[in-house]
């Protein structure tokens, strides 16, 4: 451990003098939801002392007031346990309840200091703007009502809105929010993800599209047969992709992606392993044995450009005649 300790002594600055007379300020870095006290704003206290009953203002990155409230509860962490406190001081990590309309990267300050002392927002790293959107709606397929209990648009809206209060800056994994909602009993239909477009500043009707920066690391062995198809198949599971939002740039037109055909069910009922086994050679299946399907339902992706209509519900006809081939 000696090299680690030497590195800490060399690069980590010593503790600063704690001045508790300065006004309270804290930058929120996380949001939690509690069914009893409401929203909790978590952060490390930058200066001053926070007490229950203090009136706080919420300031955005430009120093503009976006919310306020009276502190109802203060919580701190002791291991995995959350303990309630009457006050918290500088350098402590605290969860504050009672402030309204705050969020991540918002500075919480005492109200009486804002006007007289000219309190400013604490520096923070801005959150990347949303670049991917998905369309969700109530499930209107013939299988509606079979996989969830919350089926109406109102219940879906409430669940998605509640998720957006704590899950911020989801970016490309925004579909995971819909997946979490499904696990909570919400049944919905999800559309294909789309890029978020914004108007061009010159107001001539042109649009800006998000441009990402991608770095690909692949083993040399994984480059063999690179022109074969999808990335994961191309590198045989030996490659990784990391991408990050870079900037909005002028829209460059639609991308000709092309698509493979779809495997479409032509029957209603329960799928069987007997019927799906020979269909594996036709493409990638989205369903397994024992799942309910309906006519027109997409059950897989074809390996060819044309759509194929299949019957995944064929049952094996059993007889009382023993077959040597069947026994093998």
C-alpha atoms as a PDB file:
ATOM      1  CA  UNK A   1       0.000   0.000   0.000  1.00  0.00           C
ATOM      2  CA  UNK A   2       3.009   2.307   0.296  1.00  0.00           C
ATOM      3  CA  UNK A   3       2.925   3.436  -3.385  1.00  0.00           C
ATOM      4  CA  UNK A   4      -0.776   4.305  -3.043  1.00  0.00           C
ATOM      5  CA  UNK A   5      -0.198   6.354   0.110  1.00  0.00           C
ATOM      6  CA  UNK A   6       2.737   8.170  -1.513  1.00  0.00           C
ATOM      7  CA  UNK A   7       0.551   8.996  -4.512  1.00  0.00           C
ATOM      8  CA  UNK A   8      -2.173  10.387  -2.241  1.00  0.00           C
ATOM      9  CA  UNK A   9       0.326  12.572  -0.378  1.00  0.00           C
ATOM     10  CA  UNK A  10       1.714  13.865  -3.665  1.00  0.00           C
ATOM     11  CA  UNK A  11      -1.474  14.622  -5.627  1.00  0.00           C
ATOM     12  CA  UNK A  12      -4.337  15.010  -3.145  1.00  0.00           C
ATOM     13  CA  UNK A  13      -4.516  18.547  -1.683  1.00  0.00           C
ATOM     14  CA  UNK A  14      -4.637  18.873   2.121  1.00  0.00           C
ATOM     15  CA  UNK A  15      -7.959  19.640   3.860  1.00  0.00           C
ATOM     16  CA  UNK A  16      -9.014  23.261   3.662  1.00  0.00           C
ATOM     17  CA  UNK A  17      -9.871  25.318   6.705  1.00  0.00           C
ATOM     18  CA  UNK A  18     -13.517  24.824   7.595  1.00  0.00           C
ATOM     19  CA  UNK A  19     -15.265  28.169   7.897  1.00  0.00           C
ATOM     20  CA  UNK A  20     -18.738  27.506   9.299  1.00  0.00           C
ATOM     21  CA  UNK A  21     -19.573  31.230   9.314  1.00  0.00           C
ATOM     22  CA  UNK A  22     -19.981  31.328   5.536  1.00  0.00           C
ATOM     23  CA  UNK A  23     -23.494  30.954   4.074  1.00  0.00           C
ATOM     24  CA  UNK A  24     -24.823  27.483   3.465  1.00  0.00           C
ATOM     25  CA  UNK A  25     -24.464  26.157  -0.075  1.00  0.00           C
ATOM     26  CA  UNK A  26     -24.677  22.688  -1.564  1.00  0.00           C
ATOM     27  CA  UNK A  27     -24.614  21.346  -5.105  1.00  0.00           C
ATOM     28  CA  UNK A  28     -27.128  18.553  -5.697  1.00  0.00           C
ATOM     29  CA  UNK A  29     -25.632  15.576  -7.498  1.00  0.00           C
ATOM     30  CA  UNK A  30     -28.377  12.997  -7.032  1.00  0.00           C
ATOM     31  CA  UNK A  31     -32.144  12.844  -6.578  1.00  0.00           C
ATOM     32  CA  UNK A  32     -34.015  10.266  -4.527  1.00  0.00           C
ATOM     33  CA  UNK A  33     -37.714   9.777  -3.919  1.00  0.00           C
ATOM     34  CA  UNK A  34     -39.255   8.914  -0.564  1.00  0.00           C
ATOM     35  CA  UNK A  35     -42.948   8.012  -0.216  1.00  0.00           C
ATOM     36  CA  UNK A  36     -43.233   9.917   3.085  1.00  0.00           C
ATOM     37  CA  UNK A  37     -41.139  13.099   2.688  1.00  0.00           C
ATOM     38  CA  UNK A  38     -41.120  13.459  -1.104  1.00  0.00           C
ATOM     39  CA  UNK A  39     -38.053  14.355  -3.136  1.00  0.00           C
ATOM     40  CA  UNK A  40     -34.615  14.161  -1.508  1.00  0.00           C
ATOM     41  CA  UNK A  41     -31.723  16.177  -2.923  1.00  0.00           C
ATOM     42  CA  UNK A  42     -28.344  14.626  -2.188  1.00  0.00           C
ATOM     43  CA  UNK A  43     -25.059  16.490  -2.216  1.00  0.00           C
ATOM     44  CA  UNK A  44     -21.956  17.457  -0.311  1.00  0.00           C
ATOM     45  CA  UNK A  45     -22.285  20.615   1.742  1.00  0.00           C
ATOM     46  CA  UNK A  46     -19.846  23.152   0.332  1.00  0.00           C
ATOM     47  CA  UNK A  47     -20.068  25.770   3.071  1.00  0.00           C
ATOM     48  CA  UNK A  48     -22.006  26.737   6.180  1.00  0.00           C
ATOM     49  CA  UNK A  49     -24.416  24.749   8.340  1.00  0.00           C
ATOM     50  CA  UNK A  50     -27.857  23.483   7.362  1.00  0.00           C
ATOM     51  CA  UNK A  51     -30.596  23.128   9.980  1.00  0.00           C
ATOM     52  CA  UNK A  52     -34.153  21.857   9.896  1.00  0.00           C
ATOM     53  CA  UNK A  53     -36.483  24.805   9.279  1.00  0.00           C
ATOM     54  CA  UNK A  54     -34.054  26.823   7.128  1.00  0.00           C
ATOM     55  CA  UNK A  55     -35.543  28.362   3.991  1.00  0.00           C
ATOM     56  CA  UNK A  56     -33.532  27.493   0.891  1.00  0.00           C
ATOM     57  CA  UNK A  57     -33.476  28.778  -2.644  1.00  0.00           C
ATOM     58  CA  UNK A  58     -32.589  26.605  -5.631  1.00  0.00           C
ATOM     59  CA  UNK A  59     -30.345  28.303  -8.201  1.00  0.00           C
ATOM     60  CA  UNK A  60     -29.556  26.969 -11.665  1.00  0.00           C
ATOM     61  CA  UNK A  61     -26.144  27.161 -13.366  1.00  0.00           C
ATOM     62  CA  UNK A  62     -26.760  30.822 -14.358  1.00  0.00           C
ATOM     63  CA  UNK A  63     -27.697  31.829 -10.817  1.00  0.00           C
ATOM     64  CA  UNK A  64     -31.429  32.149 -11.568  1.00  0.00           C
ATOM     65  CA  UNK A  65     -33.919  31.022  -8.952  1.00  0.00           C
ATOM     66  CA  UNK A  66     -35.823  27.915 -10.023  1.00  0.00           C
ATOM     67  CA  UNK A  67     -37.370  26.828  -6.725  1.00  0.00           C
ATOM     68  CA  UNK A  68     -37.476  27.239  -2.971  1.00  0.00           C
ATOM     69  CA  UNK A  69     -38.708  25.507   0.142  1.00  0.00           C
ATOM     70  CA  UNK A  70     -38.374  24.990   3.855  1.00  0.00           C
ATOM     71  CA  UNK A  71     -36.136  22.165   5.039  1.00  0.00           C
ATOM     72  CA  UNK A  72     -38.324  19.452   6.573  1.00  0.00           C
ATOM     73  CA  UNK A  73     -35.851  16.620   6.998  1.00  0.00           C
ATOM     74  CA  UNK A  74     -32.076  16.139   6.864  1.00  0.00           C
ATOM     75  CA  UNK A  75     -30.647  12.663   6.376  1.00  0.00           C
ATOM     76  CA  UNK A  76     -27.116  11.310   6.375  1.00  0.00           C
ATOM     77  CA  UNK A  77     -25.649   7.907   5.652  1.00  0.00           C
ATOM     78  CA  UNK A  78     -23.930   5.690   8.177  1.00  0.00           C
ATOM     79  CA  UNK A  79     -22.862   2.681   6.179  1.00  0.00           C
ATOM     80  CA  UNK A  80     -26.007   1.363   4.516  1.00  0.00           C
ATOM     81  CA  UNK A  81     -28.281   2.947   7.120  1.00  0.00           C
ATOM     82  CA  UNK A  82     -29.983   6.308   6.637  1.00  0.00           C
ATOM     83  CA  UNK A  83     -30.113   8.372   9.824  1.00  0.00           C
ATOM     84  CA  UNK A  84     -32.049  11.577  10.488  1.00  0.00           C
ATOM     85  CA  UNK A  85     -30.231  14.674  11.757  1.00  0.00           C
ATOM     86  CA  UNK A  86     -31.214  18.109  13.038  1.00  0.00           C
ATOM     87  CA  UNK A  87     -28.253  19.833  11.368  1.00  0.00           C
ATOM     88  CA  UNK A  88     -25.417  19.100   8.961  1.00  0.00           C
ATOM     89  CA  UNK A  89     -22.170  20.985   8.442  1.00  0.00           C
ATOM     90  CA  UNK A  90     -19.622  21.654   5.759  1.00  0.00           C
ATOM     91  CA  UNK A  91     -18.147  18.628   3.947  1.00  0.00           C
ATOM     92  CA  UNK A  92     -20.933  16.323   5.069  1.00  0.00           C
ATOM     93  CA  UNK A  93     -22.970  14.397   2.493  1.00  0.00           C
ATOM     94  CA  UNK A  94     -26.612  15.123   3.246  1.00  0.00           C
ATOM     95  CA  UNK A  95     -30.060  14.454   1.799  1.00  0.00           C
ATOM     96  CA  UNK A  96     -32.422  17.434   2.046  1.00  0.00           C
ATOM     97  CA  UNK A  97     -36.228  17.212   1.903  1.00  0.00           C
ATOM     98  CA  UNK A  98     -38.650  20.113   1.501  1.00  0.00           C
ATOM     99  CA  UNK A  99     -37.289  22.027  -1.495  1.00  0.00           C
ATOM    100  CA  UNK A 100     -39.509  22.227  -4.569  1.00  0.00           C
ATOM    101  CA  UNK A 101     -38.603  22.388  -8.266  1.00  0.00           C
ATOM    102  CA  UNK A 102     -34.920  21.615  -7.758  1.00  0.00           C
ATOM    103  CA  UNK A 103     -32.894  19.059  -9.689  1.00  0.00           C
ATOM    104  CA  UNK A 104     -29.436  17.770 -10.484  1.00  0.00           C
ATOM    105  CA  UNK A 105     -26.674  20.407 -10.751  1.00  0.00           C
ATOM    106  CA  UNK A 106     -28.808  22.877  -8.802  1.00  0.00           C
ATOM    107  CA  UNK A 107     -27.245  24.912  -5.987  1.00  0.00           C
ATOM    108  CA  UNK A 108     -29.166  25.090  -2.704  1.00  0.00           C
ATOM    109  CA  UNK A 109     -28.470  28.248  -0.686  1.00  0.00           C
ATOM    110  CA  UNK A 110     -30.014  30.033   2.298  1.00  0.00           C
ATOM    111  CA  UNK A 111     -32.616  32.580   1.239  1.00  0.00           C
ATOM    112  CA  UNK A 112     -31.389  35.449   3.422  1.00  0.00           C
ATOM    113  CA  UNK A 113     -27.931  35.305   1.866  1.00  0.00           C
ATOM    114  CA  UNK A 114     -29.034  35.409  -1.770  1.00  0.00           C
ATOM    115  CA  UNK A 115     -29.884  39.088  -2.018  1.00  0.00           C
ATOM    116  CA  UNK A 116     -27.587  40.646   0.550  1.00  0.00           C
ATOM    117  CA  UNK A 117     -24.409  38.614   0.045  1.00  0.00           C
ATOM    118  CA  UNK A 118     -24.768  37.986  -3.678  1.00  0.00           C
ATOM    119  CA  UNK A 119     -24.598  34.191  -3.433  1.00  0.00           C
ATOM    120  CA  UNK A 120     -23.751  32.541  -6.771  1.00  0.00           C
ATOM    121  CA  UNK A 121     -24.200  29.047  -8.103  1.00  0.00           C
ATOM    122  CA  UNK A 122     -21.489  26.495  -7.480  1.00  0.00           C
ATOM    123  CA  UNK A 123     -19.542  25.325 -10.547  1.00  0.00           C
ATOM    124  CA  UNK A 124     -20.792  22.055 -12.007  1.00  0.00           C
ATOM    125  CA  UNK A 125     -20.432  19.848 -15.068  1.00  0.00           C
ATOM    126  CA  UNK A 126     -23.487  20.304 -17.306  1.00  0.00           C
ATOM    127  CA  UNK A 127     -25.562  17.270 -18.167  1.00  0.00           C
ATOM    128  CA  UNK A 128     -25.552  16.334 -21.834  1.00  0.00           C
ATOM    129  CA  UNK A 129     -28.871  17.217 -23.518  1.00  0.00           C
ATOM    130  CA  UNK A 130     -31.207  14.391 -24.561  1.00  0.00           C
ATOM    131  CA  UNK A 131     -30.383  13.031 -28.007  1.00  0.00           C
ATOM    132  CA  UNK A 132     -32.594   9.929 -28.233  1.00  0.00           C
ATOM    133  CA  UNK A 133     -36.382   9.731 -27.868  1.00  0.00           C
ATOM    134  CA  UNK A 134     -38.800   6.826 -27.916  1.00  0.00           C
ATOM    135  CA  UNK A 135     -42.565   6.757 -28.403  1.00  0.00           C
ATOM    136  CA  UNK A 136     -44.665   4.784 -25.927  1.00  0.00           C
ATOM    137  CA  UNK A 137     -48.411   4.187 -25.883  1.00  0.00           C
ATOM    138  CA  UNK A 138     -50.977   1.875 -24.386  1.00  0.00           C
ATOM    139  CA  UNK A 139     -50.719  -1.654 -25.702  1.00  0.00           C
ATOM    140  CA  UNK A 140     -53.334  -2.141 -28.441  1.00  0.00           C
ATOM    141  CA  UNK A 141     -52.256  -5.575 -29.676  1.00  0.00           C
ATOM    142  CA  UNK A 142     -54.497  -8.666 -29.406  1.00  0.00           C
ATOM    143  CA  UNK A 143     -52.401  -9.721 -26.385  1.00  0.00           C
ATOM    144  CA  UNK A 144     -53.201  -6.556 -24.415  1.00  0.00           C
ATOM    145  CA  UNK A 145     -53.803  -7.171 -20.733  1.00  0.00           C
ATOM    146  CA  UNK A 146     -51.852 -10.421 -20.508  1.00  0.00           C
ATOM    147  CA  UNK A 147     -48.524  -9.141 -19.126  1.00  0.00           C
ATOM    148  CA  UNK A 148     -49.453  -6.229 -16.856  1.00  0.00           C
ATOM    149  CA  UNK A 149     -52.091  -4.607 -14.699  1.00  0.00           C
ATOM    150  CA  UNK A 150     -51.612  -0.913 -15.549  1.00  0.00           C
ATOM    151  CA  UNK A 151     -52.975  -0.580 -19.060  1.00  0.00           C
ATOM    152  CA  UNK A 152     -54.318   2.963 -19.523  1.00  0.00           C
ATOM    153  CA  UNK A 153     -52.452   5.955 -20.931  1.00  0.00           C
ATOM    154  CA  UNK A 154     -52.944   7.843 -17.655  1.00  0.00           C
ATOM    155  CA  UNK A 155     -51.218   5.136 -15.614  1.00  0.00           C
ATOM    156  CA  UNK A 156     -48.398   4.916 -18.163  1.00  0.00           C
ATOM    157  CA  UNK A 157     -47.929   8.697 -18.025  1.00  0.00           C
ATOM    158  CA  UNK A 158     -47.778   8.682 -14.223  1.00  0.00           C
ATOM    159  CA  UNK A 159     -45.199   5.882 -14.176  1.00  0.00           C
ATOM    160  CA  UNK A 160     -42.951   7.435 -16.835  1.00  0.00           C
ATOM    161  CA  UNK A 161     -43.177  10.873 -15.180  1.00  0.00           C
ATOM    162  CA  UNK A 162     -42.263   9.389 -11.799  1.00  0.00           C
ATOM    163  CA  UNK A 163     -39.275   7.648 -13.378  1.00  0.00           C
ATOM    164  CA  UNK A 164     -38.108  10.917 -14.963  1.00  0.00           C
ATOM    165  CA  UNK A 165     -37.899  12.550 -11.536  1.00  0.00           C
ATOM    166  CA  UNK A 166     -34.973  10.366 -10.487  1.00  0.00           C
ATOM    167  CA  UNK A 167     -33.555   8.965 -13.752  1.00  0.00           C
ATOM    168  CA  UNK A 168     -32.021  11.956 -15.506  1.00  0.00           C
ATOM    169  CA  UNK A 169     -29.724  12.089 -18.542  1.00  0.00           C
ATOM    170  CA  UNK A 170     -30.553   8.588 -19.678  1.00  0.00           C
ATOM    171  CA  UNK A 171     -29.446   9.234 -23.265  1.00  0.00           C
ATOM    172  CA  UNK A 172     -29.379   6.157 -25.473  1.00  0.00           C
ATOM    173  CA  UNK A 173     -30.457   3.778 -22.669  1.00  0.00           C
ATOM    174  CA  UNK A 174     -33.764   5.665 -22.336  1.00  0.00           C
ATOM    175  CA  UNK A 175     -35.529   2.494 -23.457  1.00  0.00           C
ATOM    176  CA  UNK A 176     -34.472   1.041 -20.112  1.00  0.00           C
ATOM    177  CA  UNK A 177     -36.937   3.402 -18.425  1.00  0.00           C
ATOM    178  CA  UNK A 178     -39.750   1.740 -20.362  1.00  0.00           C
ATOM    179  CA  UNK A 179     -38.358  -1.674 -19.442  1.00  0.00           C
ATOM    180  CA  UNK A 180     -38.327  -0.746 -15.741  1.00  0.00           C
ATOM    181  CA  UNK A 181     -41.921   0.445 -16.070  1.00  0.00           C
ATOM    182  CA  UNK A 182     -42.916  -2.919 -17.511  1.00  0.00           C
ATOM    183  CA  UNK A 183     -41.327  -4.681 -14.561  1.00  0.00           C
ATOM    184  CA  UNK A 184     -43.495  -2.507 -12.305  1.00  0.00           C
ATOM    185  CA  UNK A 185     -46.708  -3.840 -13.852  1.00  0.00           C
ATOM    186  CA  UNK A 186     -47.113  -1.250 -16.618  1.00  0.00           C
ATOM    187  CA  UNK A 187     -48.007  -2.708 -20.004  1.00  0.00           C
ATOM    188  CA  UNK A 188     -47.143  -0.523 -22.978  1.00  0.00           C
ATOM    189  CA  UNK A 189     -46.115  -0.531 -26.622  1.00  0.00           C
ATOM    190  CA  UNK A 190     -42.744   1.000 -27.532  1.00  0.00           C
ATOM    191  CA  UNK A 191     -41.804   2.527 -30.874  1.00  0.00           C
ATOM    192  CA  UNK A 192     -38.422   2.675 -32.539  1.00  0.00           C
ATOM    193  CA  UNK A 193     -35.915   5.155 -31.033  1.00  0.00           C
ATOM    194  CA  UNK A 194     -35.337   8.402 -32.921  1.00  0.00           C
ATOM    195  CA  UNK A 195     -32.766  11.175 -32.727  1.00  0.00           C
ATOM    196  CA  UNK A 196     -33.896  14.445 -31.117  1.00  0.00           C
ATOM    197  CA  UNK A 197     -33.781  17.282 -33.654  1.00  0.00           C
ATOM    198  CA  UNK A 198     -33.620  20.974 -32.727  1.00  0.00           C
ATOM    199  CA  UNK A 199     -34.286  24.063 -34.917  1.00  0.00           C
ATOM    200  CA  UNK A 200     -31.337  25.743 -36.586  1.00  0.00           C
ATOM    201  CA  UNK A 201     -30.530  29.169 -35.030  1.00  0.00           C
ATOM    202  CA  UNK A 202     -30.895  30.985 -38.366  1.00  0.00           C
ATOM    203  CA  UNK A 203     -34.681  30.231 -38.318  1.00  0.00           C
ATOM    204  CA  UNK A 204     -34.733  29.172 -41.979  1.00  0.00           C
ATOM    205  CA  UNK A 205     -36.466  25.878 -41.336  1.00  0.00           C
ATOM    206  CA  UNK A 206     -33.265  23.857 -41.174  1.00  0.00           C
ATOM    207  CA  UNK A 207     -32.671  21.401 -38.334  1.00  0.00           C
ATOM    208  CA  UNK A 208     -29.725  20.360 -36.209  1.00  0.00           C
ATOM    209  CA  UNK A 209     -29.054  16.708 -35.465  1.00  0.00           C
ATOM    210  CA  UNK A 210     -26.923  15.279 -32.620  1.00  0.00           C
ATOM    211  CA  UNK A 211     -23.429  14.153 -33.552  1.00  0.00           C
ATOM    212  CA  UNK A 212     -21.685  11.605 -31.344  1.00  0.00           C
ATOM    213  CA  UNK A 213     -18.046  10.693 -30.914  1.00  0.00           C
ATOM    214  CA  UNK A 214     -17.352   6.964 -30.911  1.00  0.00           C
ATOM    215  CA  UNK A 215     -14.175   5.048 -30.076  1.00  0.00           C
ATOM    216  CA  UNK A 216     -13.921   1.389 -31.068  1.00  0.00           C
ATOM    217  CA  UNK A 217     -11.432  -1.020 -29.495  1.00  0.00           C
ATOM    218  CA  UNK A 218     -11.227  -4.422 -31.200  1.00  0.00           C
ATOM    219  CA  UNK A 219      -8.828  -7.342 -30.915  1.00  0.00           C
ATOM    220  CA  UNK A 220      -6.956  -8.136 -34.121  1.00  0.00           C
ATOM    221  CA  UNK A 221      -8.613 -11.538 -34.242  1.00  0.00           C
ATOM    222  CA  UNK A 222     -12.006  -9.868 -34.091  1.00  0.00           C
ATOM    223  CA  UNK A 223     -11.279  -7.897 -37.283  1.00  0.00           C
ATOM    224  CA  UNK A 224     -11.349 -11.060 -39.377  1.00  0.00           C
ATOM    225  CA  UNK A 225     -14.479 -10.917 -41.509  1.00  0.00           C
ATOM    226  CA  UNK A 226     -15.300  -7.331 -40.475  1.00  0.00           C
ATOM    227  CA  UNK A 227     -17.597  -6.728 -43.468  1.00  0.00           C
ATOM    228  CA  UNK A 228     -19.887  -9.614 -42.511  1.00  0.00           C
ATOM    229  CA  UNK A 229     -22.717  -7.799 -40.683  1.00  0.00           C
ATOM    230  CA  UNK A 230     -23.588  -6.413 -37.267  1.00  0.00           C
ATOM    231  CA  UNK A 231     -20.822  -5.290 -34.926  1.00  0.00           C
ATOM    232  CA  UNK A 232     -21.191  -7.971 -32.276  1.00  0.00           C
ATOM    233  CA  UNK A 233     -21.241 -10.686 -34.873  1.00  0.00           C
ATOM    234  CA  UNK A 234     -18.401  -9.080 -36.776  1.00  0.00           C
ATOM    235  CA  UNK A 235     -15.944  -9.065 -33.857  1.00  0.00           C
ATOM    236  CA  UNK A 236     -17.174 -12.390 -32.436  1.00  0.00           C
ATOM    237  CA  UNK A 237     -17.973 -10.801 -29.100  1.00  0.00           C
ATOM    238  CA  UNK A 238     -14.414  -9.459 -28.683  1.00  0.00           C
ATOM    239  CA  UNK A 239     -15.100  -5.747 -29.287  1.00  0.00           C
ATOM    240  CA  UNK A 240     -16.426  -2.861 -27.209  1.00  0.00           C
ATOM    241  CA  UNK A 241     -18.061   0.437 -28.191  1.00  0.00           C
ATOM    242  CA  UNK A 242     -18.061   3.602 -26.075  1.00  0.00           C
ATOM    243  CA  UNK A 243     -19.771   6.738 -27.352  1.00  0.00           C
ATOM    244  CA  UNK A 244     -20.502  10.181 -25.948  1.00  0.00           C
ATOM    245  CA  UNK A 245     -22.493  13.178 -27.143  1.00  0.00           C
ATOM    246  CA  UNK A 246     -20.261  15.736 -28.904  1.00  0.00           C
ATOM    247  CA  UNK A 247     -22.364  18.532 -30.393  1.00  0.00           C
ATOM    248  CA  UNK A 248     -25.377  19.462 -32.504  1.00  0.00           C
ATOM    249  CA  UNK A 249     -24.520  19.999 -36.179  1.00  0.00           C
ATOM    250  CA  UNK A 250     -26.567  20.711 -39.324  1.00  0.00           C
ATOM    251  CA  UNK A 251     -28.781  17.830 -40.392  1.00  0.00           C
ATOM    252  CA  UNK A 252     -27.103  15.759 -43.101  1.00  0.00           C
ATOM    253  CA  UNK A 253     -30.098  13.887 -44.415  1.00  0.00           C
ATOM    254  CA  UNK A 254     -31.612  10.493 -43.763  1.00  0.00           C
ATOM    255  CA  UNK A 255     -29.304   7.526 -43.338  1.00  0.00           C
ATOM    256  CA  UNK A 256     -29.990   4.642 -45.697  1.00  0.00           C
ATOM    257  CA  UNK A 257     -29.825   1.815 -43.208  1.00  0.00           C
ATOM    258  CA  UNK A 258     -31.749  -0.853 -45.082  1.00  0.00           C
ATOM    259  CA  UNK A 259     -33.292  -3.663 -43.129  1.00  0.00           C
ATOM    260  CA  UNK A 260     -33.692  -7.368 -43.207  1.00  0.00           C
ATOM    261  CA  UNK A 261     -37.098  -8.878 -43.613  1.00  0.00           C
ATOM    262  CA  UNK A 262     -39.329  -9.852 -40.718  1.00  0.00           C
ATOM    263  CA  UNK A 263     -40.528 -13.265 -39.626  1.00  0.00           C
ATOM    264  CA  UNK A 264     -44.283 -12.840 -39.215  1.00  0.00           C
ATOM    265  CA  UNK A 265     -46.667 -15.218 -37.541  1.00  0.00           C
ATOM    266  CA  UNK A 266     -49.596 -16.394 -39.651  1.00  0.00           C
ATOM    267  CA  UNK A 267     -51.409 -18.194 -36.822  1.00  0.00           C
ATOM    268  CA  UNK A 268     -52.739 -17.498 -33.358  1.00  0.00           C
ATOM    269  CA  UNK A 269     -51.963 -19.630 -30.348  1.00  0.00           C
ATOM    270  CA  UNK A 270     -49.039 -20.912 -28.329  1.00  0.00           C
ATOM    271  CA  UNK A 271     -45.649 -21.451 -29.951  1.00  0.00           C
ATOM    272  CA  UNK A 272     -44.064 -24.879 -29.847  1.00  0.00           C
ATOM    273  CA  UNK A 273     -40.474 -26.043 -29.921  1.00  0.00           C
ATOM    274  CA  UNK A 274     -41.387 -28.488 -32.688  1.00  0.00           C
ATOM    275  CA  UNK A 275     -42.403 -25.595 -34.968  1.00  0.00           C
ATOM    276  CA  UNK A 276     -39.604 -23.204 -33.974  1.00  0.00           C
ATOM    277  CA  UNK A 277     -36.751 -25.689 -34.438  1.00  0.00           C
ATOM    278  CA  UNK A 278     -36.759 -25.663 -38.276  1.00  0.00           C
ATOM    279  CA  UNK A 279     -37.387 -21.902 -38.320  1.00  0.00           C
ATOM    280  CA  UNK A 280     -34.064 -21.104 -36.644  1.00  0.00           C
ATOM    281  CA  UNK A 281     -32.335 -21.313 -40.024  1.00  0.00           C
ATOM    282  CA  UNK A 282     -34.598 -18.579 -41.409  1.00  0.00           C
ATOM    283  CA  UNK A 283     -33.330 -15.867 -39.054  1.00  0.00           C
ATOM    284  CA  UNK A 284     -33.198 -14.679 -35.447  1.00  0.00           C
ATOM    285  CA  UNK A 285     -36.253 -15.598 -33.388  1.00  0.00           C
ATOM    286  CA  UNK A 286     -37.741 -13.154 -30.841  1.00  0.00           C
ATOM    287  CA  UNK A 287     -40.003 -15.720 -29.193  1.00  0.00           C
ATOM    288  CA  UNK A 288     -39.470 -19.069 -27.551  1.00  0.00           C
ATOM    289  CA  UNK A 289     -41.633 -22.119 -26.945  1.00  0.00           C
ATOM    290  CA  UNK A 290     -44.800 -21.615 -24.922  1.00  0.00           C
ATOM    291  CA  UNK A 291     -45.406 -17.935 -25.811  1.00  0.00           C
ATOM    292  CA  UNK A 292     -48.667 -16.521 -27.128  1.00  0.00           C
ATOM    293  CA  UNK A 293     -48.653 -15.062 -30.652  1.00  0.00           C
ATOM    294  CA  UNK A 294     -51.282 -13.666 -33.028  1.00  0.00           C
ATOM    295  CA  UNK A 295     -51.549 -13.278 -36.823  1.00  0.00           C
ATOM    296  CA  UNK A 296     -49.347 -10.440 -38.078  1.00  0.00           C
ATOM    297  CA  UNK A 297     -47.076 -10.456 -34.999  1.00  0.00           C
ATOM    298  CA  UNK A 298     -43.358 -10.095 -35.745  1.00  0.00           C
ATOM    299  CA  UNK A 299     -41.667 -13.082 -34.137  1.00  0.00           C
ATOM    300  CA  UNK A 300     -38.158 -12.686 -35.559  1.00  0.00           C
ATOM    301  CA  UNK A 301     -35.776 -11.060 -38.017  1.00  0.00           C
ATOM    302  CA  UNK A 302     -35.236 -12.761 -41.340  1.00  0.00           C
ATOM    303  CA  UNK A 303     -31.744 -13.348 -42.695  1.00  0.00           C
ATOM    304  CA  UNK A 304     -32.991 -12.153 -46.104  1.00  0.00           C
ATOM    305  CA  UNK A 305     -34.543  -8.842 -47.239  1.00  0.00           C
ATOM    306  CA  UNK A 306     -38.008 -10.346 -47.794  1.00  0.00           C
ATOM    307  CA  UNK A 307     -40.671 -10.854 -45.123  1.00  0.00           C
ATOM    308  CA  UNK A 308     -41.624 -14.441 -44.364  1.00  0.00           C
ATOM    309  CA  UNK A 309     -44.995 -15.557 -43.006  1.00  0.00           C
ATOM    310  CA  UNK A 310     -44.573 -18.601 -40.781  1.00  0.00           C
ATOM    311  CA  UNK A 311     -46.618 -20.793 -38.484  1.00  0.00           C
ATOM    312  CA  UNK A 312     -44.832 -21.133 -35.122  1.00  0.00           C
ATOM    313  CA  UNK A 313     -47.758 -22.979 -33.510  1.00  0.00           C
ATOM    314  CA  UNK A 314     -47.558 -26.325 -35.307  1.00  0.00           C
ATOM    315  CA  UNK A 315     -47.843 -29.196 -32.831  1.00  0.00           C
ATOM    316  CA  UNK A 316     -46.136 -32.536 -33.232  1.00  0.00           C
ATOM    317  CA  UNK A 317     -48.603 -35.258 -34.076  1.00  0.00           C
ATOM    318  CA  UNK A 318     -48.087 -38.144 -31.666  1.00  0.00           C
ATOM    319  CA  UNK A 319     -48.855 -41.766 -32.626  1.00  0.00           C
ATOM    320  CA  UNK A 320     -48.570 -45.106 -30.892  1.00  0.00           C
ATOM    321  CA  UNK A 321     -46.165 -46.406 -33.552  1.00  0.00           C
ATOM    322  CA  UNK A 322     -42.550 -46.589 -32.379  1.00  0.00           C
ATOM    323  CA  UNK A 323     -39.999 -45.152 -34.805  1.00  0.00           C
ATOM    324  CA  UNK A 324     -36.290 -45.883 -34.661  1.00  0.00           C
ATOM    325  CA  UNK A 325     -35.477 -42.468 -36.124  1.00  0.00           C
ATOM    326  CA  UNK A 326     -37.673 -40.668 -33.570  1.00  0.00           C
ATOM    327  CA  UNK A 327     -36.027 -42.624 -30.763  1.00  0.00           C
ATOM    328  CA  UNK A 328     -32.627 -41.389 -31.872  1.00  0.00           C
END
